[in-house]
C-alpha atoms as a PDB file:
ATOM      1  CA  MET A   1     -10.520 -15.861  13.268  1.00  0.00           C
ATOM      2  CA  LYS A   2     -13.822 -14.165  12.670  1.00  0.00           C
ATOM      3  CA  ASN A   3     -12.948 -12.067   9.581  1.00  0.00           C
ATOM      4  CA  ILE A   4     -11.226 -14.805   7.577  1.00  0.00           C
ATOM      5  CA  ASN A   5     -14.052 -17.217   8.382  1.00  0.00           C
ATOM      6  CA  THR A   6     -16.637 -14.670   7.221  1.00  0.00           C
ATOM      7  CA  TYR A   7     -14.592 -13.995   4.072  1.00  0.00           C
ATOM      8  CA  LEU A   8     -14.322 -17.700   3.226  1.00  0.00           C
ATOM      9  CA  ALA A   9     -17.974 -18.510   3.977  1.00  0.00           C
ATOM     10  CA  ASN A  10     -19.737 -15.391   2.668  1.00  0.00           C
ATOM     11  CA  ILE A  11     -17.468 -14.107  -0.095  1.00  0.00           C
ATOM     12  CA  LEU A  12     -15.921 -17.293  -1.507  1.00  0.00           C
ATOM     13  CA  GLU A  13     -18.840 -19.491  -0.364  1.00  0.00           C
ATOM     14  CA  VAL A  14     -16.705 -22.229   1.152  1.00  0.00           C
ATOM     15  CA  PRO A  15     -19.153 -24.614   2.912  1.00  0.00           C
ATOM     16  CA  VAL A  16     -19.577 -23.375   6.491  1.00  0.00           C
ATOM     17  CA  GLU A  17     -18.738 -26.770   7.984  1.00  0.00           C
ATOM     18  CA  ASN A  18     -15.346 -26.698   6.197  1.00  0.00           C
ATOM     19  CA  VAL A  19     -14.303 -23.135   6.992  1.00  0.00           C
ATOM     20  CA  SER A  20     -12.451 -23.888  10.245  1.00  0.00           C
ATOM     21  CA  ALA A  21     -10.369 -26.588   8.496  1.00  0.00           C
ATOM     22  CA  CYS A  22      -8.929 -23.901   6.204  1.00  0.00           C
ATOM     23  CA  SER A  23      -6.834 -22.691   9.157  1.00  0.00           C
ATOM     24  CA  LEU A  24      -4.425 -25.520   8.333  1.00  0.00           C
ATOM     25  CA  HIS A  25      -3.374 -23.499   5.282  1.00  0.00           C
ATOM     26  CA  TYR A  26      -2.375 -20.246   6.956  1.00  0.00           C
ATOM     27  CA  GLU A  27      -0.446 -19.001   9.962  1.00  0.00           C
ATOM     28  CA  VAL A  28      -1.259 -16.072  12.239  1.00  0.00           C
ATOM     29  CA  LYS A  29       1.233 -13.275  12.855  1.00  0.00           C
ATOM     30  CA  LYS A  30       0.901 -10.361  15.264  1.00  0.00           C
ATOM     31  CA  VAL A  31       2.517  -7.218  13.880  1.00  0.00           C
ATOM     32  CA  ALA A  32       3.231  -4.114  15.951  1.00  0.00           C
ATOM     33  CA  LYS A  33       2.606  -0.638  14.562  1.00  0.00           C
ATOM     34  CA  ASN A  34       5.460   0.420  12.207  1.00  0.00           C
ATOM     35  CA  ASP A  35       6.703  -3.183  11.819  1.00  0.00           C
ATOM     36  CA  PHE A  36       7.327  -4.472   8.303  1.00  0.00           C
ATOM     37  CA  LEU A  37       5.928  -7.548   6.587  1.00  0.00           C
ATOM     38  CA  LEU A  38       7.903  -6.760   3.433  1.00  0.00           C
ATOM     39  CA  ARG A  39      10.824  -4.481   2.637  1.00  0.00           C
ATOM     40  CA  TYR A  40      12.324  -3.204  -0.602  1.00  0.00           C
ATOM     41  CA  GLY A  41      14.636  -5.829  -2.119  1.00  0.00           C
ATOM     42  CA  GLU A  42      13.014  -8.796  -0.359  1.00  0.00           C
ATOM     43  CA  VAL A  43      10.968 -11.468  -2.118  1.00  0.00           C
ATOM     44  CA  CYS A  44       7.325 -11.501  -1.014  1.00  0.00           C
ATOM     45  CA  ARG A  45       6.404 -14.991   0.264  1.00  0.00           C
ATOM     46  CA  TYR A  46       2.746 -14.567   1.257  1.00  0.00           C
ATOM     47  CA  ASN A  47      -0.605 -13.000   0.563  1.00  0.00           C
ATOM     48  CA  PHE A  48      -1.459 -11.089   3.730  1.00  0.00           C
ATOM     49  CA  PHE A  49      -5.036 -11.147   5.023  1.00  0.00           C
ATOM     50  CA  VAL A  50      -5.779  -8.517   7.657  1.00  0.00           C
ATOM     51  CA  GLU A  51      -7.743 -10.094  10.473  1.00  0.00           C
ATOM     52  CA  LYS A  52      -7.348  -7.034  12.680  1.00  0.00           C
ATOM     53  CA  GLY A  53      -5.616  -3.687  12.216  1.00  0.00           C
ATOM     54  CA  LEU A  54      -4.343  -1.807   9.168  1.00  0.00           C
ATOM     55  CA  LEU A  55      -1.462  -2.205   6.689  1.00  0.00           C
ATOM     56  CA  LYS A  56      -0.118  -0.022   3.902  1.00  0.00           C
ATOM     57  CA  MET A  57       1.950  -0.851   0.833  1.00  0.00           C
ATOM     58  CA  TYR A  58       4.189   1.862  -0.564  1.00  0.00           C
ATOM     59  CA  SER A  59       7.285   2.662  -2.582  1.00  0.00           C
ATOM     60  CA  ILE A  60       9.944   5.293  -1.918  1.00  0.00           C
ATOM     61  CA  ASP A  61      11.242   7.351  -4.835  1.00  0.00           C
ATOM     62  CA  LYS A  62      14.829   8.515  -5.396  1.00  0.00           C
ATOM     63  CA  ASN A  63      14.096  11.731  -3.480  1.00  0.00           C
ATOM     64  CA  GLY A  64      12.992   9.754  -0.417  1.00  0.00           C
ATOM     65  CA  LYS A  65       9.289  10.514  -0.918  1.00  0.00           C
ATOM     66  CA  GLU A  66       6.772   7.828   0.068  1.00  0.00           C
ATOM     67  CA  HIS A  67       4.032   6.838  -2.395  1.00  0.00           C
ATOM     68  CA  ILE A  68       1.235   4.763  -0.862  1.00  0.00           C
ATOM     69  CA  ILE A  69      -0.149   2.240  -3.348  1.00  0.00           C
ATOM     70  CA  GLN A  70      -2.749   0.579  -1.156  1.00  0.00           C
ATOM     71  CA  PHE A  71      -4.199   0.455   2.335  1.00  0.00           C
ATOM     72  CA  ALA A  72      -5.464  -2.846   3.744  1.00  0.00           C
ATOM     73  CA  PRO A  73      -7.895  -2.622   6.682  1.00  0.00           C
ATOM     74  CA  GLU A  74      -9.740  -5.592   8.217  1.00  0.00           C
ATOM     75  CA  SER A  75     -10.768  -8.344   5.763  1.00  0.00           C
ATOM     76  CA  TRP A  76      -8.553  -7.008   2.962  1.00  0.00           C
ATOM     77  CA  LEU A  77      -5.790  -8.892   1.179  1.00  0.00           C
ATOM     78  CA  ILE A  78      -2.491  -7.266   0.305  1.00  0.00           C
ATOM     79  CA  SER A  79       0.758  -8.460  -1.294  1.00  0.00           C
ATOM     80  CA  ASP A  80       3.306  -7.625  -3.957  1.00  0.00           C
ATOM     81  CA  ARG A  81       1.951  -9.960  -6.625  1.00  0.00           C
ATOM     82  CA  SER A  82       4.891  -9.493  -8.997  1.00  0.00           C
ATOM     83  CA  SER A  83       7.296 -10.539  -6.283  1.00  0.00           C
ATOM     84  CA  LEU A  84       5.069 -13.308  -4.924  1.00  0.00           C
ATOM     85  CA  TYR A  85       4.248 -15.055  -8.191  1.00  0.00           C
ATOM     86  CA  PHE A  86       7.365 -14.331 -10.250  1.00  0.00           C
ATOM     87  CA  ASN A  87       9.930 -14.585  -7.435  1.00  0.00           C
ATOM     88  CA  GLU A  88      11.150 -11.049  -8.104  1.00  0.00           C
ATOM     89  CA  LYS A  89      12.701  -8.708  -5.556  1.00  0.00           C
ATOM     90  CA  SER A  90      10.047  -6.322  -4.338  1.00  0.00           C
ATOM     91  CA  VAL A  91      10.134  -2.587  -5.004  1.00  0.00           C
ATOM     92  CA  TYR A  92       7.587  -2.060  -2.214  1.00  0.00           C
ATOM     93  CA  TYR A  93       7.287  -2.003   1.547  1.00  0.00           C
ATOM     94  CA  ILE A  94       4.320  -3.433   3.451  1.00  0.00           C
ATOM     95  CA  GLU A  95       4.107  -1.901   6.918  1.00  0.00           C
ATOM     96  CA  ALA A  96       1.633  -1.934   9.810  1.00  0.00           C
ATOM     97  CA  VAL A  97      -0.111   1.405  10.352  1.00  0.00           C
ATOM     98  CA  GLU A  98      -1.683   0.009  13.541  1.00  0.00           C
ATOM     99  CA  ASP A  99      -0.980  -2.974  15.779  1.00  0.00           C
ATOM    100  CA  SER A 100      -2.326  -5.752  13.587  1.00  0.00           C
ATOM    101  CA  GLU A 101      -3.129  -9.439  13.389  1.00  0.00           C
ATOM    102  CA  VAL A 102      -2.298 -10.793   9.948  1.00  0.00           C
ATOM    103  CA  LEU A 103      -2.826 -14.193   8.350  1.00  0.00           C
ATOM    104  CA  LEU A 104       0.025 -15.398   6.155  1.00  0.00           C
ATOM    105  CA  LEU A 105      -1.484 -17.181   3.167  1.00  0.00           C
ATOM    106  CA  GLN A 106       0.776 -19.322   0.998  1.00  0.00           C
ATOM    107  CA  PRO A 107       0.795 -18.355  -2.725  1.00  0.00           C
ATOM    108  CA  ASP A 108      -1.202 -21.495  -3.554  1.00  0.00           C
ATOM    109  CA  PHE A 109      -3.778 -20.936  -0.780  1.00  0.00           C
ATOM    110  CA  PHE A 110      -6.645 -20.137  -3.167  1.00  0.00           C
ATOM    111  CA  LYS A 111      -5.580 -22.814  -5.637  1.00  0.00           C
ATOM    112  CA  LYS A 112      -5.821 -25.410  -2.867  1.00  0.00           C
ATOM    113  CA  LEU A 113      -9.256 -24.115  -1.896  1.00  0.00           C
ATOM    114  CA  VAL A 114     -10.480 -24.422  -5.481  1.00  0.00           C
ATOM    115  CA  GLU A 115      -9.112 -27.976  -5.710  1.00  0.00           C
ATOM    116  CA  GLN A 116     -10.942 -28.867  -2.509  1.00  0.00           C
ATOM    117  CA  PHE A 117     -14.136 -26.917  -3.307  1.00  0.00           C
ATOM    118  CA  PRO A 118     -14.455 -26.599  -7.114  1.00  0.00           C
ATOM    119  CA  ASN A 119     -17.709 -24.632  -6.747  1.00  0.00           C
ATOM    120  CA  ILE A 120     -15.778 -21.578  -5.473  1.00  0.00           C
ATOM    121  CA  ALA A 121     -13.679 -21.257  -8.660  1.00  0.00           C
ATOM    122  CA  SER A 122     -16.029 -18.739 -10.273  1.00  0.00           C
ATOM    123  CA  LYS A 123     -16.201 -16.661  -7.062  1.00  0.00           C
ATOM    124  CA  ASN A 124     -12.414 -16.609  -6.827  1.00  0.00           C
ATOM    125  CA  ASP A 125     -12.157 -15.563 -10.483  1.00  0.00           C
ATOM    126  CA  ILE A 126     -14.647 -12.727  -9.973  1.00  0.00           C
ATOM    127  CA  LEU A 127     -12.619 -11.465  -6.983  1.00  0.00           C
ATOM    128  CA  LEU A 128      -9.455 -11.468  -9.077  1.00  0.00           C
ATOM    129  CA  GLN A 129     -11.175  -9.558 -11.898  1.00  0.00           C
ATOM    130  CA  LYS A 130     -12.540  -7.025  -9.403  1.00  0.00           C
ATOM    131  CA  HIS A 131      -9.016  -6.514  -8.093  1.00  0.00           C
ATOM    132  CA  VAL A 132      -7.726  -5.859 -11.629  1.00  0.00           C
ATOM    133  CA  ARG A 133     -10.622  -3.454 -12.246  1.00  0.00           C
ATOM    134  CA  SER A 134      -9.805  -1.612  -9.023  1.00  0.00           C
ATOM    135  CA  LEU A 135      -6.157  -1.212 -10.081  1.00  0.00           C
ATOM    136  CA  GLN A 136      -7.205   0.077 -13.515  1.00  0.00           C
ATOM    137  CA  ASN A 137      -9.582   2.573 -11.915  1.00  0.00           C
ATOM    138  CA  ARG A 138      -6.802   3.720  -9.570  1.00  0.00           C
ATOM    139  CA  ILE A 139      -4.404   4.326 -12.480  1.00  0.00           C
ATOM    140  CA  ASN A 140      -7.095   6.228 -14.390  1.00  0.00           C
ATOM    141  CA  SER A 141      -7.893   8.268 -11.291  1.00  0.00           C
ATOM    142  CA  LEU A 142      -4.253   9.292 -10.762  1.00  0.00           C
ATOM    143  CA  LEU A 143      -3.848  10.211 -14.433  1.00  0.00           C
ATOM    144  CA  GLY A 144      -7.092  12.002 -15.129  1.00  0.00           C
ATOM    145  CA  GLU A 145      -9.094  13.001 -12.049  1.00  0.00           C
ATOM    146  CA  THR A 146      -8.920  16.188 -10.018  1.00  0.00           C
ATOM    147  CA  ALA A 147      -7.664  16.081  -6.446  1.00  0.00           C
ATOM    148  CA  GLU A 148     -11.256  16.473  -5.228  1.00  0.00           C
ATOM    149  CA  GLU A 149     -12.466  13.553  -7.355  1.00  0.00           C
ATOM    150  CA  ARG A 150      -9.600  11.383  -6.093  1.00  0.00           C
ATOM    151  CA  TYR A 151     -10.417  12.272  -2.494  1.00  0.00           C
ATOM    152  CA  LEU A 152     -14.089  11.372  -2.972  1.00  0.00           C
ATOM    153  CA  SER A 153     -13.030   8.054  -4.550  1.00  0.00           C
ATOM    154  CA  PHE A 154     -10.782   7.412  -1.536  1.00  0.00           C
ATOM    155  CA  ILE A 155     -13.692   7.991   0.865  1.00  0.00           C
ATOM    156  CA  LYS A 156     -15.831   5.591  -1.151  1.00  0.00           C
ATOM    157  CA  MET A 157     -13.169   2.872  -1.156  1.00  0.00           C
ATOM    158  CA  TYR A 158     -11.962   3.363   2.439  1.00  0.00           C
ATOM    159  CA  PRO A 159     -14.930   4.870   4.333  1.00  0.00           C
ATOM    160  CA  ASP A 160     -13.542   4.056   7.793  1.00  0.00           C
ATOM    161  CA  LEU A 161      -9.954   5.253   7.306  1.00  0.00           C
ATOM    162  CA  LEU A 162     -10.372   9.031   7.568  1.00  0.00           C
ATOM    163  CA  LEU A 163     -10.075   8.876  11.350  1.00  0.00           C
ATOM    164  CA  ARG A 164      -7.497   6.066  11.399  1.00  0.00           C
ATOM    165  CA  VAL A 165      -4.666   7.485   9.279  1.00  0.00           C
ATOM    166  CA  PRO A 166      -2.883  10.860   9.357  1.00  0.00           C
ATOM    167  CA  GLN A 167      -3.610  13.375   6.621  1.00  0.00           C
ATOM    168  CA  TRP A 168      -0.153  13.037   5.074  1.00  0.00           C
ATOM    169  CA  MET A 169      -0.788   9.340   4.369  1.00  0.00           C
ATOM    170  CA  ILE A 170      -4.066  10.104   2.613  1.00  0.00           C
ATOM    171  CA  ALA A 171      -2.272  12.794   0.586  1.00  0.00           C
ATOM    172  CA  SER A 172       0.451  10.290  -0.332  1.00  0.00           C
ATOM    173  CA  TYR A 173      -2.173   7.805  -1.539  1.00  0.00           C
ATOM    174  CA  LEU A 174      -3.890  10.531  -3.589  1.00  0.00           C
ATOM    175  CA  GLY A 175      -0.617  11.744  -5.123  1.00  0.00           C
ATOM    176  CA  ILE A 176      -0.983  15.285  -3.768  1.00  0.00           C
ATOM    177  CA  THR A 177       0.615  17.359  -1.007  1.00  0.00           C
ATOM    178  CA  PRO A 178      -0.932  17.545   2.483  1.00  0.00           C
ATOM    179  CA  GLU A 179      -1.531  21.266   1.821  1.00  0.00           C
ATOM    180  CA  SER A 180      -3.525  20.433  -1.337  1.00  0.00           C
ATOM    181  CA  LEU A 181      -5.545  17.868   0.584  1.00  0.00           C
ATOM    182  CA  SER A 182      -6.309  20.469   3.243  1.00  0.00           C
ATOM    183  CA  ARG A 183      -7.608  22.839   0.537  1.00  0.00           C
ATOM    184  CA  VAL A 184      -9.730  20.068  -1.006  1.00  0.00           C
ATOM    185  CA  ARG A 185     -11.310  19.266   2.359  1.00  0.00           C
ATOM    186  CA  LYS A 186     -12.062  22.940   3.018  1.00  0.00           C
ATOM    187  CA  GLU A 187     -13.681  23.345  -0.414  1.00  0.00           C
ATOM    188  CA  LEU A 188     -15.804  20.231   0.103  1.00  0.00           C
ATOM    189  CA  ALA A 189     -16.835  21.449   3.556  1.00  0.00           C
ATOM    190  CA  LYS A 190     -17.942  24.771   2.001  1.00  0.00           C
ATOM    191  CA  LYS A 191     -19.923  22.992  -0.733  1.00  0.00           C
ATOM    192  CA  ASN A 192     -21.616  20.726   1.779  1.00  0.00           C
ATOM    193  CA  PHE A 193     -22.440  23.722   3.984  1.00  0.00           C
ATOM    194  CA  VAL A 194     -24.046  25.550   1.048  1.00  0.00           C
ATOM    195  CA  THR A 195     -25.900  22.384  -0.070  1.00  0.00           C
ATOM    196  CA  ASN A 196     -27.235  21.701   3.421  1.00  0.00           C
ATOM    197  CA  LYS A 197     -28.429  25.273   4.134  1.00  0.00           C
END
């Protein structure tokens, strides 16, 4: 479990000699492409850590249109926090975009780590605050940025996904149509061509 071990040792700063013991607190699940880890109406039971592959979380509106909230490539965490922590039925789906290997972390996984290694509490808190900041930035982006600005933000956040997901999924995440995304990419290509001449 290379990615989770790196995450625990380098990001949370769990002592290296204790990292492998953390495997007692999660289980590994292989998920085929298009399989679901969570469906609308279910209660989310885990935080999902992506060891290998790619997941997406999305909702479907009353017209049947998919709205992607988040992608989770390797070393990312994803879950419906409202459902997980407040035992509410989820309004989201979490689905594998690629064949994936996912670690199922119990809701108290990080709490147990902090109890065992109190020195990581501040690191864990910073990660949580960064997550909240990211969500705030995403809301602000959807409300106030142009399609081009949103696309550039997407590239910055998910630099390796452009070749891993179809254009319609990127458009769904950006809140625009695939046709609009195509125009944005053409305009950016023109600008870059002029800049690089």
